[in-house]
Amino acid sequence: MSLNPVIDMLGRRLRLAVIGGGTGSFIGAMHRQSARRDDRYQIVTGIFSSDPAKSKKDASELGFESDRIYPSVKALLRWRSIQKRWH
């Protein structure tokens, strides 16, 4: 057993979506840094603001892939639900 039980169980890091914590948020940056430092998690998407344009801008500046940027929590959940059915 390794020091990372998540990778042992899943064969990969647990994928996370972050809601909130965009530009100017102290706690958002802390959560992103802690997830990476712990090395058990991979943040793959997020909705960083209730303003879709600001959220998209923040996600892009944080380096998220364009196909993983969603305008709202509902859009994220809807898209992920559709993808699960096909994959």
C-alpha atoms as a PDB file:
ATOM      1  CA  MET A   1       0.000   0.000   0.000  1.00  0.00           C
ATOM      2  CA  SER A   2       1.320   3.413  -0.925  1.00  0.00           C
ATOM      3  CA  LEU A   3       1.052   6.635   1.014  1.00  0.00           C
ATOM      4  CA  ASN A   4      -1.781   7.652  -1.326  1.00  0.00           C
ATOM      5  CA  PRO A   5      -4.818   5.386  -0.731  1.00  0.00           C
ATOM      6  CA  VAL A   6      -6.932   7.291  -3.265  1.00  0.00           C
ATOM      7  CA  ILE A   7      -4.607   6.338  -6.114  1.00  0.00           C
ATOM      8  CA  ASP A   8      -4.461   2.775  -4.760  1.00  0.00           C
ATOM      9  CA  MET A   9      -8.267   2.508  -4.886  1.00  0.00           C
ATOM     10  CA  LEU A  10      -8.962   4.351  -8.142  1.00  0.00           C
ATOM     11  CA  GLY A  11      -5.715   3.981 -10.030  1.00  0.00           C
ATOM     12  CA  ARG A  12      -5.667   7.785 -10.402  1.00  0.00           C
ATOM     13  CA  ARG A  13      -6.201  10.942  -8.389  1.00  0.00           C
ATOM     14  CA  LEU A  14      -9.775  11.821  -7.394  1.00  0.00           C
ATOM     15  CA  ARG A  15     -11.088  14.431  -9.842  1.00  0.00           C
ATOM     16  CA  LEU A  16     -12.648  17.541  -8.333  1.00  0.00           C
ATOM     17  CA  ALA A  17     -14.766  20.453  -9.494  1.00  0.00           C
ATOM     18  CA  VAL A  18     -14.438  23.658  -7.500  1.00  0.00           C
ATOM     19  CA  ILE A  19     -17.447  25.918  -6.998  1.00  0.00           C
ATOM     20  CA  GLY A  20     -16.554  29.496  -6.094  1.00  0.00           C
ATOM     21  CA  GLY A  21     -13.153  30.825  -5.208  1.00  0.00           C
ATOM     22  CA  GLY A  22     -12.324  32.822  -8.317  1.00  0.00           C
ATOM     23  CA  THR A  23     -10.092  35.864  -8.729  1.00  0.00           C
ATOM     24  CA  GLY A  24      -9.591  37.769  -5.511  1.00  0.00           C
ATOM     25  CA  SER A  25     -10.739  34.917  -3.297  1.00  0.00           C
ATOM     26  CA  PHE A  26      -8.232  33.931  -0.639  1.00  0.00           C
ATOM     27  CA  ILE A  27      -9.931  30.649   0.225  1.00  0.00           C
ATOM     28  CA  GLY A  28     -10.267  29.541  -3.414  1.00  0.00           C
ATOM     29  CA  ALA A  29      -6.530  29.767  -3.950  1.00  0.00           C
ATOM     30  CA  MET A  30      -5.925  27.929  -0.682  1.00  0.00           C
ATOM     31  CA  HIS A  31      -8.253  25.064  -1.672  1.00  0.00           C
ATOM     32  CA  ARG A  32      -6.590  24.703  -5.087  1.00  0.00           C
ATOM     33  CA  GLN A  33      -3.109  24.726  -3.565  1.00  0.00           C
ATOM     34  CA  SER A  34      -4.055  22.269  -0.822  1.00  0.00           C
ATOM     35  CA  ALA A  35      -5.637  19.819  -3.266  1.00  0.00           C
ATOM     36  CA  ARG A  36      -2.462  19.827  -5.337  1.00  0.00           C
ATOM     37  CA  ARG A  37      -0.132  19.644  -2.353  1.00  0.00           C
ATOM     38  CA  ASP A  38      -2.029  16.679  -0.890  1.00  0.00           C
ATOM     39  CA  ASP A  39      -1.427  14.847  -4.200  1.00  0.00           C
ATOM     40  CA  ARG A  40      -4.647  12.842  -3.891  1.00  0.00           C
ATOM     41  CA  TYR A  41      -6.797  15.154  -5.971  1.00  0.00           C
ATOM     42  CA  GLN A  42      -6.851  16.732  -9.414  1.00  0.00           C
ATOM     43  CA  ILE A  43      -9.034  19.794  -9.965  1.00  0.00           C
ATOM     44  CA  VAL A  44     -10.380  19.378 -13.476  1.00  0.00           C
ATOM     45  CA  THR A  45     -13.015  22.105 -13.655  1.00  0.00           C
ATOM     46  CA  GLY A  46     -14.784  24.757 -11.677  1.00  0.00           C
ATOM     47  CA  ILE A  47     -17.405  27.435 -11.626  1.00  0.00           C
ATOM     48  CA  PHE A  48     -15.483  30.314 -10.110  1.00  0.00           C
ATOM     49  CA  SER A  49     -18.159  33.012 -10.098  1.00  0.00           C
ATOM     50  CA  SER A  50     -21.922  33.408 -10.400  1.00  0.00           C
ATOM     51  CA  ASP A  51     -21.116  35.696 -13.348  1.00  0.00           C
ATOM     52  CA  PRO A  52     -20.534  33.271 -16.274  1.00  0.00           C
ATOM     53  CA  ALA A  53     -18.150  35.634 -18.113  1.00  0.00           C
ATOM     54  CA  LYS A  54     -16.003  36.143 -14.999  1.00  0.00           C
ATOM     55  CA  SER A  55     -16.051  32.423 -14.239  1.00  0.00           C
ATOM     56  CA  LYS A  56     -14.936  31.594 -17.791  1.00  0.00           C
ATOM     57  CA  LYS A  57     -12.158  34.188 -17.609  1.00  0.00           C
ATOM     58  CA  ASP A  58     -10.941  32.861 -14.243  1.00  0.00           C
ATOM     59  CA  ALA A  59     -11.028  29.235 -15.430  1.00  0.00           C
ATOM     60  CA  SER A  60      -9.079  30.132 -18.534  1.00  0.00           C
ATOM     61  CA  GLU A  61      -6.481  32.093 -16.543  1.00  0.00           C
ATOM     62  CA  LEU A  62      -6.131  29.148 -14.132  1.00  0.00           C
ATOM     63  CA  GLY A  63      -5.339  26.894 -17.077  1.00  0.00           C
ATOM     64  CA  PHE A  64      -8.457  24.780 -17.354  1.00  0.00           C
ATOM     65  CA  GLU A  65      -9.177  23.255 -20.753  1.00  0.00           C
ATOM     66  CA  SER A  66     -11.867  25.088 -22.722  1.00  0.00           C
ATOM     67  CA  ASP A  67     -14.090  21.990 -22.906  1.00  0.00           C
ATOM     68  CA  ARG A  68     -14.129  21.880 -19.107  1.00  0.00           C
ATOM     69  CA  ILE A  69     -15.373  25.433 -18.549  1.00  0.00           C
ATOM     70  CA  TYR A  70     -19.059  25.710 -17.654  1.00  0.00           C
ATOM     71  CA  PRO A  71     -21.246  28.805 -17.174  1.00  0.00           C
ATOM     72  CA  SER A  72     -23.069  27.437 -14.116  1.00  0.00           C
ATOM     73  CA  VAL A  73     -23.260  24.551 -11.684  1.00  0.00           C
ATOM     74  CA  LYS A  74     -26.406  23.310 -13.449  1.00  0.00           C
ATOM     75  CA  ALA A  75     -24.604  23.265 -16.803  1.00  0.00           C
ATOM     76  CA  LEU A  76     -21.683  21.344 -15.291  1.00  0.00           C
ATOM     77  CA  LEU A  77     -23.924  18.721 -13.706  1.00  0.00           C
ATOM     78  CA  ARG A  78     -26.093  18.404 -16.813  1.00  0.00           C
ATOM     79  CA  TRP A  79     -23.088  17.931 -19.112  1.00  0.00           C
ATOM     80  CA  ARG A  80     -21.345  15.457 -16.795  1.00  0.00           C
ATOM     81  CA  SER A  81     -24.588  13.461 -16.504  1.00  0.00           C
ATOM     82  CA  ILE A  82     -24.919  13.270 -20.305  1.00  0.00           C
ATOM     83  CA  GLN A  83     -21.279  12.219 -20.692  1.00  0.00           C
ATOM     84  CA  LYS A  84     -21.678   9.424 -18.129  1.00  0.00           C
ATOM     85  CA  ARG A  85     -24.432   7.869 -20.217  1.00  0.00           C
ATOM     86  CA  TRP A  86     -22.208   7.712 -23.276  1.00  0.00           C
ATOM     87  CA  HIS A  87     -18.884   6.715 -21.699  1.00  0.00           C
END
